[in-house]
Protein backbone atom coordinates (compact mmCIF):
# COMPACT_ATOMS: atom_id res chain seq x y z
CA MET A 1 -0.04 0.20 0.23
CA THR A 2 1.55 3.53 -0.93
CA SER A 3 1.41 6.38 1.62
CA SER A 4 1.75 8.98 -0.81
CA GLY A 5 -1.43 9.86 -2.31
CA ALA A 6 -2.74 13.09 -1.98
CA ARG A 7 -5.87 13.37 0.65
CA GLY A 8 -6.93 16.47 -0.12
CA THR A 9 -8.08 19.94 2.40
CA ASN A 10 -11.59 17.67 3.46
CA PHE A 11 -10.23 14.35 4.14
CA SER A 12 -11.08 12.82 7.14
CA ILE A 13 -11.84 9.37 9.00
CA GLY A 14 -14.98 9.86 10.25
CA GLY A 15 -17.19 12.33 11.96
CA GLU A 16 -17.17 12.26 15.85
CA GLN A 17 -20.40 11.58 16.53
CA ALA A 18 -22.54 8.88 15.86
CA GLU A 19 -25.27 10.30 14.05
CA ALA A 20 -23.13 12.20 11.88
CA ASP A 21 -20.49 9.96 10.86
CA PRO A 22 -20.49 8.66 7.28
CA LEU A 23 -18.00 6.16 7.63
CA LEU A 24 -19.40 4.97 10.95
CA MET A 25 -20.97 1.08 9.09
CA GLU A 26 -18.63 0.97 6.26
CA ALA A 27 -15.35 1.16 9.00
CA PHE A 28 -17.07 -0.11 11.73
CA TYR A 29 -14.57 -1.62 14.41
CA GLU A 30 -15.98 -4.40 16.06
CA SER A 31 -14.62 -4.69 19.49
CA ASP A 32 -14.95 -6.68 22.60
CA ASP A 33 -17.79 -4.19 24.33
CA TYR A 34 -19.90 -4.85 20.68
CA ARG A 35 -19.60 -8.54 20.60
CA THR A 36 -20.85 -8.67 24.46
CA VAL A 37 -23.62 -6.35 23.73
CA SER A 38 -24.74 -8.51 20.55
CA SER A 39 -24.79 -11.81 22.50
CA ARG A 40 -28.06 -12.88 23.10
CA GLU A 41 -25.70 -15.28 25.81
CA ASP A 42 -24.34 -12.52 27.60
CA PRO A 43 -26.62 -10.74 30.06
CA ARG A 44 -25.02 -7.68 29.97
CA CYS A 45 -27.41 -5.22 29.04
CA PHE A 46 -26.34 -2.32 30.92
CA VAL A 47 -23.89 0.07 28.45
CA ILE A 48 -22.40 2.67 30.67
CA ALA A 49 -19.48 4.95 29.21
CA ARG A 50 -18.71 8.57 29.47
CA THR A 51 -19.54 11.18 26.37
CA GLY A 52 -17.85 9.87 22.79
CA GLY A 53 -17.33 6.54 24.81
CA GLY A 54 -18.67 4.93 21.44
CA LYS A 55 -22.25 4.12 23.45
CA SER A 56 -24.23 5.36 20.26
CA ALA A 57 -22.24 3.68 17.42
CA LEU A 58 -22.37 0.74 19.19
CA LEU A 59 -25.73 0.65 19.05
CA GLN A 60 -26.61 1.90 15.85
CA ARG A 61 -24.35 -0.87 14.55
CA LEU A 62 -26.62 -3.36 15.91
CA GLU A 63 -29.75 -1.87 14.49
CA GLU A 64 -27.89 -2.29 11.09
CA GLU A 65 -26.87 -5.76 11.28
CA ASN A 66 -30.40 -6.92 12.67
CA PRO A 67 -32.38 -4.91 11.20
CA ALA A 68 -35.92 -6.86 11.61
CA HIS A 69 -35.28 -7.61 15.29
CA VAL A 70 -33.91 -4.62 16.65
CA VAL A 71 -36.82 -2.06 18.32
CA ARG A 72 -35.58 1.23 19.46
CA VAL A 73 -37.71 3.59 22.18
CA ALA A 74 -36.91 6.99 22.56
CA PRO A 75 -37.29 8.87 25.87
CA GLU A 76 -38.12 11.98 24.44
CA ASP A 77 -40.87 10.21 22.53
CA LEU A 78 -42.90 9.07 25.49
CA SER A 79 -44.48 12.26 26.85
CA LEU A 80 -43.05 11.63 30.19
CA SER A 81 -42.30 15.69 30.73
CA TYR A 82 -45.94 15.43 30.61
CA ILE A 83 -46.61 13.64 33.41
CA THR A 84 -43.77 14.95 35.45
CA ASN A 85 -45.53 17.99 35.38
CA LEU A 86 -49.03 16.86 36.39
CA GLY A 87 -50.00 18.44 40.09
CA VAL A 88 -50.69 15.25 41.44
CA MET A 89 -47.33 14.07 40.89
CA ARG A 90 -45.76 17.20 42.27
CA TYR A 91 -48.33 16.54 45.60
CA LEU A 92 -47.38 13.01 46.12
CA ASP A 93 -43.81 13.96 45.88
CA ASP A 94 -44.93 16.56 48.76
CA LEU A 95 -46.33 13.26 50.74
CA ASP A 96 -42.97 11.81 49.95
CA ILE A 97 -44.97 8.63 48.34
CA SER A 98 -42.55 6.76 45.71
CA LEU A 99 -43.94 6.94 42.90
CA ASP A 100 -41.16 3.94 41.65
CA PRO A 101 -44.32 1.47 41.12
CA LEU A 102 -46.03 3.75 38.72
CA PHE A 103 -42.79 4.50 36.42
CA ILE A 104 -41.95 0.77 36.35
CA ALA A 105 -45.53 -0.13 35.52
CA LEU A 106 -45.25 2.66 32.37
CA TRP A 107 -41.77 0.98 31.40
CA LYS A 108 -43.07 -2.49 31.12
CA HIS A 109 -46.41 -1.22 29.20
CA VAL A 110 -44.01 0.87 26.95
CA LEU A 111 -41.58 -2.04 26.25
CA LEU A 112 -44.92 -4.93 26.37
CA VAL A 113 -46.56 -2.86 23.55
CA GLU A 114 -43.75 -1.94 21.49
CA LEU A 115 -42.74 -5.63 21.40
CA ILE A 116 -45.98 -6.82 20.67
CA ARG A 117 -46.45 -4.33 17.70
CA HIS A 118 -43.15 -5.46 16.38
CA ARG A 119 -43.85 -8.85 16.26
CA TYR A 120 -46.85 -8.93 14.87
CA LYS A 121 -46.91 -6.02 12.89
CA VAL A 122 -49.92 -4.21 14.72
CA ASP A 123 -50.50 -0.96 12.71
CA SER A 124 -54.52 -0.94 12.64
CA HIS A 125 -57.95 -2.44 14.42
CA ALA A 126 -57.52 -5.19 11.68
CA ALA A 127 -54.52 -6.37 12.17
CA LYS A 128 -55.19 -5.71 16.08
CA MET A 129 -58.04 -8.05 15.91
CA ASN A 130 -55.98 -10.66 14.31
CA PHE A 131 -53.27 -10.90 16.99
CA LEU A 132 -55.44 -11.23 19.51
CA SER A 133 -57.22 -14.25 18.12
CA THR A 134 -54.04 -15.77 16.81
CA LEU A 135 -53.02 -15.02 20.55
CA ARG A 136 -55.88 -16.33 22.37
CA ASP A 137 -55.55 -19.79 19.92
CA LYS A 138 -52.74 -20.59 21.32
CA ILE A 139 -53.23 -19.63 25.42
CA LYS A 140 -56.86 -21.00 25.24
CA ARG A 141 -56.71 -23.71 27.88
CA ASP A 142 -54.41 -21.31 30.03
CA PRO A 143 -56.75 -19.52 32.63
CA GLY A 144 -54.46 -17.56 33.66
CA LYS A 145 -52.79 -16.24 30.57
CA ARG A 146 -56.10 -15.95 28.80
CA ALA A 147 -57.36 -13.51 32.07
CA ALA A 148 -53.73 -11.81 30.94
CA LEU A 149 -55.64 -10.72 27.60
CA ASP A 150 -58.20 -8.61 29.70
CA TYR A 151 -55.16 -6.19 30.66
CA LEU A 152 -55.21 -5.42 26.60
CA GLU A 153 -58.42 -5.08 26.07
CA GLU A 154 -58.63 -2.17 28.94
CA PHE A 155 -56.96 -0.04 26.55
CA GLN A 156 -59.27 -0.38 23.36
CA ASP A 157 -58.15 0.62 20.62
CA ARG A 158 -55.85 3.02 21.87
CA PHE A 159 -53.63 0.64 23.04
CA TRP A 160 -51.76 0.30 19.84
CA VAL A 161 -51.65 4.37 19.37
CA GLU A 162 -48.20 5.89 19.42
CA ALA A 163 -46.11 5.32 22.58
CA ASP A 164 -46.94 8.59 23.70
CA GLU A 165 -50.63 8.43 23.85
CA ARG A 166 -50.02 4.90 26.09
CA VAL A 167 -48.22 6.70 28.30
CA ARG A 168 -50.87 9.67 28.86
CA GLU A 169 -53.50 6.72 28.47
CA ILE A 170 -52.04 5.01 32.02
CA THR A 171 -51.15 8.07 33.71
CA GLU A 172 -54.85 9.74 33.24
CA LYS A 173 -56.23 6.49 34.58
CA PHE A 174 -54.04 6.91 37.86
CA GLU A 175 -54.66 10.13 37.77
CA GLU A 176 -58.49 9.65 37.78
CA LYS A 177 -58.39 7.08 40.57
CA ILE A 178 -55.90 9.81 43.02
CA ASN A 179 -59.00 12.43 42.03
CA ASN A 180 -61.34 9.82 42.83
CA GLU A 181 -59.62 8.84 46.41
CA ARG A 182 -59.57 13.02 47.21
CA LYS A 183 -62.83 13.36 46.85
CA GLY A 184 -63.08 11.54 50.10
CA THR A 185 -63.14 12.74 53.37
CA LEU A 186 -60.52 12.27 56.13
CA GLY A 187 -61.14 11.88 59.70
CA LEU A 188 -59.50 13.84 62.54
CA THR A 189 -59.23 13.93 65.80
CA GLY A 190 -62.92 14.33 67.15
CA ASN A 191 -65.35 14.54 64.81
CA GLN A 192 -63.66 17.21 62.52
CA THR A 193 -63.63 16.06 59.27
CA VAL A 194 -61.69 17.76 55.98
CA ASN A 195 -62.21 17.52 52.06
CA ALA A 196 -58.96 15.88 50.85
CA SER A 197 -59.41 17.41 47.42
CA ALA A 198 -58.81 20.99 48.18
CA THR A 199 -55.38 20.40 49.06
CA VAL A 200 -54.65 18.00 46.15
CA ASN A 201 -55.87 20.93 43.93
CA SER A 202 -53.92 23.34 45.40
CA GLY A 203 -50.67 20.96 44.89
CA THR A 204 -49.19 21.43 47.79
CA ALA A 205 -49.27 18.41 51.08
CA ASP A 206 -47.87 21.15 53.97
CA THR A 207 -51.13 22.47 55.40
CA PHE A 208 -52.24 19.18 57.06
CA ALA A 209 -52.02 17.99 60.45
CA THR A 210 -49.52 14.90 61.28
CA GLU A 211 -52.19 12.39 61.34
CA THR A 212 -53.98 13.51 58.68
CA ARG A 213 -50.94 13.80 56.52
CA ARG A 214 -50.13 9.84 57.68
CA GLU A 215 -53.56 8.96 56.79
CA LEU A 216 -53.74 10.82 52.79
CA THR A 217 -50.12 8.81 52.90
CA ASP A 218 -51.48 5.39 53.27
CA ARG A 219 -54.22 5.91 50.87
CA PHE A 220 -52.19 7.51 47.99
CA LYS A 221 -49.60 4.63 48.93
CA ARG A 222 -52.06 2.26 48.11
CA ILE A 223 -53.45 3.62 45.04
CA VAL A 224 -49.34 3.60 43.81
CA ASN A 225 -48.81 0.07 44.39
CA GLU A 226 -51.49 -0.98 42.88
CA THR A 227 -49.97 0.30 39.80
CA GLN A 228 -47.63 -2.67 39.87
CA MET A 229 -50.62 -4.51 37.57
CA PRO A 230 -50.42 -7.95 38.04
CA ARG A 231 -52.19 -8.78 34.77
CA LEU A 232 -49.25 -6.56 32.97
CA ASN A 233 -47.11 -8.97 34.66
CA LYS A 234 -48.71 -11.92 33.65
CA MET A 235 -48.32 -10.46 30.56
CA ILE A 236 -44.74 -10.87 30.66
CA LYS A 237 -45.32 -14.08 30.76
CA VAL A 238 -47.41 -14.48 28.17
CA LEU A 239 -44.67 -12.55 26.16
CA ASP A 240 -42.18 -15.29 26.96
CA GLU A 241 -43.78 -18.04 26.50
CA ASP A 242 -46.16 -17.52 23.50
CA ILE A 243 -44.69 -14.10 21.49
CA LEU A 244 -41.06 -14.40 21.84
CA ASP A 245 -41.45 -18.15 21.77
CA SER A 246 -38.55 -19.20 19.26
CA ARG A 247 -35.26 -17.99 18.86
CA GLN A 248 -35.89 -16.91 15.20
CA ASN A 249 -38.01 -14.88 17.12
CA PHE A 250 -35.50 -12.94 19.43
CA THR A 251 -35.42 -9.07 19.66
CA TYR A 252 -33.63 -6.37 20.77
CA VAL A 253 -34.78 -3.40 22.75
CA VAL A 254 -32.39 -0.32 22.28
CA ILE A 255 -33.01 2.54 24.75
CA ASP A 256 -30.58 5.44 24.11
CA ASP A 257 -30.48 9.35 24.57
CA LEU A 258 -31.31 9.03 28.22
CA ASP A 259 -28.80 11.96 29.27
CA ARG A 260 -30.69 14.32 27.06
CA ASP A 261 -32.86 17.38 28.54
CA TRP A 262 -36.11 15.43 28.40
CA VAL A 263 -37.27 15.87 31.96
CA ASP A 264 -35.98 17.28 35.19
CA GLU A 265 -32.79 16.23 36.90
CA LYS A 266 -34.41 14.79 39.53
CA VAL A 267 -37.30 12.79 37.78
CA ALA A 268 -35.32 11.59 35.34
CA ASN A 269 -32.99 9.82 37.82
CA ALA A 270 -36.34 8.27 39.15
CA LEU A 271 -37.01 7.21 35.43
CA ILE A 272 -34.32 5.75 34.74
CA ARG A 273 -33.96 3.89 38.17
CA CYS A 274 -37.26 3.06 37.21
CA LEU A 275 -36.28 1.77 33.89
CA PHE A 276 -33.32 -0.78 35.29
CA ARG A 277 -35.87 -2.26 37.82
CA ALA A 278 -38.07 -2.90 34.52
CA VAL A 279 -35.44 -4.10 32.68
CA LEU A 280 -34.62 -6.40 35.26
CA ASP A 281 -37.96 -7.47 35.73
CA LEU A 282 -37.49 -8.69 31.64
CA HIS A 283 -34.81 -10.21 31.91
CA ARG A 284 -37.02 -13.69 32.59
CA VAL A 285 -37.77 -13.53 28.79
CA LYS A 286 -35.70 -15.79 27.42
CA ASN A 287 -35.72 -14.41 23.51
CA LEU A 288 -35.24 -10.94 24.64
CA LYS A 289 -32.65 -8.35 25.46
CA VAL A 290 -33.11 -4.79 26.62
CA ILE A 291 -30.30 -2.89 25.91
CA VAL A 292 -29.97 0.76 27.62
CA ALA A 293 -27.18 2.65 26.78
CA LEU A 294 -26.36 5.19 29.86
CA ARG A 295 -23.76 8.15 30.36
CA THR A 296 -20.79 7.00 33.53
CA ASN A 297 -22.33 10.21 35.59
CA ILE A 298 -25.67 9.80 35.24
CA PHE A 299 -25.47 6.18 36.17
CA GLU A 300 -23.28 6.82 39.18
CA ASN A 301 -25.78 9.25 40.41
CA LEU A 302 -28.72 6.86 40.40
CA ASP A 303 -28.66 5.96 43.77
CA PHE A 304 -29.11 2.11 43.77
CA GLY A 305 -27.99 1.75 47.33
CA HIS A 306 -30.89 3.58 48.38
CA ARG A 307 -33.75 3.34 46.35
CA ALA A 308 -33.71 -0.08 44.42
CA GLY A 309 -34.91 -2.22 47.27
CA GLY A 310 -30.93 -3.59 47.40
CA GLN A 311 -30.62 -4.41 44.06
CA GLU A 312 -27.60 -2.34 43.28
CA GLU A 313 -25.29 -5.68 43.21
CA LYS A 314 -27.97 -6.89 40.30
CA PHE A 315 -27.57 -4.04 38.13
CA ARG A 316 -24.03 -3.63 38.06
CA SER A 317 -23.55 -7.38 37.28
CA LEU A 318 -25.54 -6.66 34.24
CA SER A 319 -23.50 -3.10 33.31
CA LEU A 320 -20.88 -3.13 30.73
CA HIS A 321 -17.99 0.05 31.47
CA MET A 322 -16.96 0.70 27.70
CA ARG A 323 -13.23 1.04 27.97
CA TRP A 324 -10.85 1.29 25.34
CA GLY A 325 -7.10 0.11 25.11
CA PRO A 326 -4.69 1.89 22.93
CA SER A 327 -4.28 -1.37 20.16
CA GLU A 328 -8.18 -1.28 20.07
CA LEU A 329 -7.98 2.82 19.23
CA ARG A 330 -5.19 2.14 16.93
CA ASN A 331 -7.12 -0.70 15.04
CA LEU A 332 -10.46 1.84 15.05
CA VAL A 333 -8.66 4.30 13.36
CA SER A 334 -6.70 2.01 10.63
CA SER A 335 -9.91 0.68 9.85
CA ARG A 336 -11.67 4.26 9.46
CA LEU A 337 -8.76 5.12 7.21
CA ARG A 338 -8.17 2.04 4.69
CA VAL A 339 -12.07 2.63 3.87
CA ALA A 340 -11.68 6.70 3.48
CA THR A 341 -8.31 6.44 1.71
CA LYS A 342 -9.81 3.83 -0.54
CA LYS A 343 -12.51 6.40 -1.35
CA SER A 344 -10.13 8.88 -2.42
CA GLY A 345 -8.27 6.34 -4.54
CA THR A 346 -4.74 6.13 -2.63
CA PRO A 347 -5.20 3.39 -0.30
CA VAL A 348 -3.62 3.05 2.79
CA SER A 349 -3.26 0.33 5.16
CA SER A 350 -2.74 1.89 8.48
CA ILE A 351 -2.49 4.75 10.30
CA SER A 352 1.65 4.56 10.89
CA ASP A 353 1.57 4.74 7.50
CA LEU A 354 0.51 8.70 7.55
CA LEU A 355 2.45 9.76 10.73
CA PRO A 356 5.97 10.28 11.26
CA ARG A 357 7.96 7.43 11.76
CA ILE A 358 9.09 5.86 15.03
CA ASN A 359 12.19 7.15 16.12
CA THR A 360 14.42 7.69 19.88
CA THR A 361 14.20 11.08 20.18
CA ARG A 362 10.09 11.94 20.27
CA GLY A 363 8.75 8.23 19.94
CA ASP A 364 5.87 7.24 18.44
CA ALA A 365 3.33 9.75 17.15
CA PHE A 366 0.23 7.38 17.63
CA ASP A 367 1.40 7.14 21.06
CA TYR A 368 1.95 10.71 21.52
CA MET A 369 -1.50 11.63 20.47
CA LEU A 370 -3.52 9.10 22.29
CA THR A 371 -1.50 10.80 25.58
CA ARG A 372 -3.39 13.33 24.46
CA THR A 373 -7.01 11.60 24.92
CA LEU A 374 -9.12 10.50 27.18
CA MET A 375 -8.77 7.02 25.83
CA ARG A 376 -12.36 7.55 23.68
CA PRO A 377 -13.13 7.00 19.94
CA ARG A 378 -14.43 10.58 19.75
CA ASP A 379 -11.21 12.63 21.13
CA ILE A 380 -8.81 10.48 18.63
CA ILE A 381 -10.43 10.60 15.72
CA ALA A 382 -10.77 14.56 16.22
CA PHE A 383 -7.10 14.74 16.57
CA VAL A 384 -6.55 12.68 13.63
CA ASN A 385 -8.26 15.07 11.21
CA GLU A 386 -7.48 17.80 13.08
CA THR A 387 -3.57 16.82 11.89
CA PHE A 388 -4.95 15.68 8.25
CA ALA A 389 -6.31 19.19 7.98
CA ILE A 390 -3.00 21.16 8.76
CA SER A 391 -0.89 18.89 6.80
CA SER A 392 0.08 19.18 3.39
CA GLY A 393 -2.18 16.74 1.93
CA SER A 394 0.48 14.40 0.66
CA GLY A 395 2.72 11.53 2.16
CA ARG A 396 3.27 11.21 5.73
CA THR A 397 2.76 14.46 8.41
CA SER A 398 4.77 15.84 10.37
CA TRP A 399 5.63 16.33 13.82
CA GLU A 400 5.41 19.53 13.47
CA ASP A 401 1.79 19.17 11.59
CA ILE A 402 0.71 17.42 15.15
CA LYS A 403 2.01 20.16 17.19
CA ASN A 404 0.05 22.57 15.27
CA ALA A 405 -2.89 20.62 15.60
CA GLU A 406 -2.98 19.84 19.01
CA ASP A 407 -3.42 23.42 19.68
CA SER A 408 -6.86 23.84 18.06
CA TYR A 409 -7.67 19.91 19.37
CA SER A 410 -6.59 20.78 22.86
CA TYR A 411 -9.29 23.92 22.91
CA LYS A 412 -12.30 22.09 21.36
CA ARG A 413 -11.63 19.26 24.00
CA LEU A 414 -12.18 22.01 26.93
CA LEU A 415 -15.13 22.71 25.40
CA ALA A 416 -16.32 19.62 25.26
CA LEU A 417 -15.64 18.54 28.80
CA ARG A 418 -17.02 21.71 29.95
CA ASP A 419 -20.11 20.99 27.59
CA GLU A 420 -20.26 17.08 29.39
CA TRP A 421 -20.21 18.58 32.57
CA LYS A 422 -22.08 22.12 32.40
CA MET A 423 -25.49 21.08 33.64
CA THR A 424 -24.32 19.52 36.58
CA TYR A 425 -21.62 22.11 37.15
CA PRO A 426 -22.36 25.27 35.29
CA ASP A 427 -19.37 27.94 34.68
CA ILE A 428 -17.13 24.69 35.84
CA ASP A 429 -14.83 26.13 32.83
CA ARG A 430 -14.13 29.09 35.26
CA VAL A 431 -12.54 26.60 37.39
CA PHE A 432 -10.42 24.81 34.57
CA ALA A 433 -9.31 28.63 33.53
CA VAL A 434 -7.79 29.23 36.77
CA PHE A 435 -5.01 26.47 35.70
CA ALA A 436 -4.00 28.73 32.95
CA GLY A 437 -0.39 29.50 32.49
CA SER A 438 0.36 26.35 35.45
CA THR A 439 3.74 24.43 35.12
CA VAL A 440 3.15 21.02 36.06
CA PRO A 441 3.41 18.65 37.81
CA MET A 442 2.71 21.17 40.69
CA SER A 443 3.30 20.26 44.08
CA LYS A 444 0.76 20.00 46.17
CA ASP A 445 1.24 23.88 47.42
CA GLU A 446 1.75 24.91 43.95
CA PHE A 447 -1.91 22.99 42.93
CA THR A 448 -3.48 24.40 46.55
CA LYS A 449 -2.94 28.06 45.72
CA ARG A 450 -5.22 27.21 42.11
CA ILE A 451 -7.67 25.32 44.30
CA ASP A 452 -8.05 28.66 46.13
CA ASP A 453 -8.34 31.02 43.02
CA ALA A 454 -11.18 28.66 42.35
CA VAL A 455 -13.06 29.13 45.41
CA LEU A 456 -12.65 32.67 45.41
CA LEU A 457 -15.11 32.83 42.52
CA LEU A 458 -18.04 32.46 44.94
CA ALA A 459 -17.49 35.86 45.40
CA ASP A 460 -18.19 36.84 41.60
CA PRO A 461 -21.88 37.34 41.36
CA HIS A 462 -21.82 36.59 37.55
CA PHE A 463 -20.34 33.58 38.66
CA ARG A 464 -23.18 30.67 38.13
CA GLY A 465 -21.45 27.74 39.89
CA ALA A 466 -21.93 29.24 43.49
CA GLU A 467 -24.44 26.65 44.20
CA TRP A 468 -22.53 23.22 43.50
CA LEU A 469 -18.87 24.94 44.62
CA ASP A 470 -20.14 25.99 47.80
CA HIS A 471 -21.23 22.69 48.60
CA MET A 472 -17.90 20.95 47.99
CA THR A 473 -16.06 23.78 49.82
CA SER A 474 -18.61 24.22 52.81
CA THR A 475 -16.27 22.37 55.14
CA MET A 476 -13.74 25.25 54.77
CA TRP A 477 -16.25 27.86 55.90
CA SER A 478 -17.96 25.04 58.80
CA ASN A 479 -14.91 23.44 60.06
CA PRO A 480 -11.60 26.24 59.74
CA SER A 481 -9.41 23.12 61.80
CA ALA A 482 -10.02 20.24 59.24
CA ASP A 483 -7.58 18.64 57.35
CA TRP A 484 -6.85 19.42 53.44
CA SER A 485 -8.45 16.75 52.31
CA ALA A 486 -11.59 17.51 54.24
CA TRP A 487 -11.08 21.23 52.79
CA TYR A 488 -10.28 20.03 49.15
CA GLY A 489 -10.92 16.91 48.69
CA PRO A 490 -14.46 17.13 47.31
CA LEU A 491 -13.30 19.27 44.87
CA VAL A 492 -9.98 17.57 44.07
CA ALA A 493 -11.97 14.21 43.87
CA LEU A 494 -14.25 16.28 41.21
CA LEU A 495 -11.85 17.75 39.16
CA TYR A 496 -10.20 13.98 38.93
CA ASN A 497 -13.11 11.89 38.16
CA ILE A 498 -13.86 13.72 35.34
CA GLY A 499 -10.55 13.28 33.50
CA PHE A 500 -9.15 17.03 34.06
CA ILE A 501 -6.47 15.93 36.54
CA GLY A 502 -4.20 13.43 37.48
CA CYS A 503 -2.26 12.92 40.72
CA THR A 504 0.90 11.62 41.63
CA THR A 505 1.98 9.87 45.19
CA GLY A 506 6.03 9.40 45.70
CA ARG A 507 8.82 11.10 43.66
CA GLN A 508 9.11 8.63 40.70
CA SER A 509 5.36 7.61 40.39
CA THR A 510 3.62 7.40 37.50
CA VAL A 511 0.79 9.63 37.03
CA ARG A 512 -2.43 8.27 38.03
CA TYR A 513 -5.78 9.28 35.69
CA VAL A 514 -9.55 7.85 36.56
CA ARG A 515 -9.62 5.66 33.50
CA THR A 516 -6.87 3.25 35.14
CA PHE A 517 -7.13 4.39 38.59
CA PRO A 518 -11.20 4.94 38.74
CA ASP A 519 -12.18 5.23 42.12
CA PHE A 520 -8.45 6.41 43.28
CA ALA A 521 -10.08 9.95 44.35
CA GLU A 522 -12.71 8.24 46.32
CA ARG A 523 -10.36 7.08 49.47
CA VAL A 524 -9.26 9.91 51.34
CA SER A 525 -6.00 8.32 52.34
CA ASN A 526 -5.23 8.82 48.90
CA LEU A 527 -5.31 12.26 48.62
CA GLU A 528 -3.38 12.86 51.77
CA ALA A 529 -0.54 11.02 49.94
CA THR A 530 -0.83 13.22 46.70
CA ASP A 531 2.04 15.08 46.46
CA GLY A 532 1.85 15.80 42.46
CA PHE A 533 -0.69 17.53 40.63
CA THR A 534 -0.82 17.69 36.87
CA ILE A 535 -3.49 18.87 34.15
CA HIS A 536 -4.22 15.68 32.04
CA PRO A 537 -2.36 16.17 28.33
CA ALA A 538 -5.22 16.64 26.56
CA PHE A 539 -6.04 20.52 27.74
CA GLN A 540 -2.28 21.73 28.65
CA ALA A 541 -1.92 23.66 25.41
CA ALA A 542 -5.46 24.91 25.80
CA LEU A 543 -4.49 26.35 28.94
CA ASP A 544 -1.17 27.09 27.92
CA VAL A 545 0.15 24.83 30.72
CA ARG A 546 4.27 24.26 30.71
CA VAL A 547 5.40 21.17 31.20
CA ASP A 548 8.72 20.84 33.66
CA HIS A 549 10.41 17.44 32.88
CA LEU A 550 12.99 18.27 35.35
CA ARG A 551 10.73 17.90 38.52
């Protein structure tokens, strides 16, 4: 293969995002993670990764390879924001009534109907009647299953409309039950009674006496818990034994984009947590695999330990944390390059053919580029594309090309890091900026001075991150005698966990980053033992950080 052909100024090895990547299907790299997710035997179904880690690409490939066996459910199409904005939902939340049973039932309902529609191509009244007739004939000897079909009949023709309408249907029935219950009277001490309706309509539960509040809570809890819907659960048995009853009917359900702004963050966490529990219940269906893709930070904030009935271990055992190694990323880039250069008429077999040759002074160019990524496909694709855009377009790129490309690449990676976390940590880029012009590695004292500058952002009335930064530094004000880790630990752990900084312990120690040492910053003893800090190489150029190799 030649390495000297002209590439052209618009040459690239693909887009950084799956939905805008023209080479995704042609040059898809089949990683071990993809084989795990697509496996019908491997139970791992929760795909956890950082932004740019390849979740969406993996699911798109699965859909491309199994077009007749994949059902995609889009969260934004389910009217979930409509549900959470209902006054009755806010009212029940005020009473500290968990809506988990309702949300779990909603997910089961949506998934069940989508699977039935897909399996039997139900898109009309006639198709519905044909499906019911076929299914009744199959289960006519089982009274329990026949009763389960009544669940489908309850919704009549609305069962078969779009998913958002079905979600509204269930919610409206639930709201009607709550409204009927609230129209009654509540017994108080003595002969007094109060109408529950007035306070429900007001949208707050704070005005009731303790005894009345307890009675209300008990009543409404019963209604919420009944939404587990025994007949719905029986339908899942029908799904397993009579609908997806053979290997040729094996179906994947794909749920992505759960990190988008489709509902309030607090409610989103509850809905996602309940989705996981619904998926756990659906594991009994042999010829079904529900695959949920989720960003790492959202997964860690779901609070399974407190809210999921002790099922955290089960969720984690079914999770696949996507991680890329150097050889996988090299193979991914080379695979894309082969397809892209073949299209341009000058095929190249490996990325090594277009980068500077390995030498004893500078080493391997691709390894240099990888150290300036967070080891994600999006990062290395972006860096390679930036380098090709700067180079002359023929022959090998030079080290000067790579260094020049690094300035633009690093700036965009810093913006991407900001965008990844700005919803949770507004103005976090202003914290990044306090490290501009620093020299790394930094001693603990040098690093602490920079952190102190970040804390001073709280005095700026225009800083939008006051709430989260104040929370992370609250010990500074509440306990002046506390040790270093108590004062600075939460903020240091944040910067470490998002990949912005690395830590060293001991003079000869290698730098620890979150990718290879994910739990390092969670231990106070590790933070106390850290005596050196560095800014991740991906962001050094953007912040004009100087590296002193003699330190």
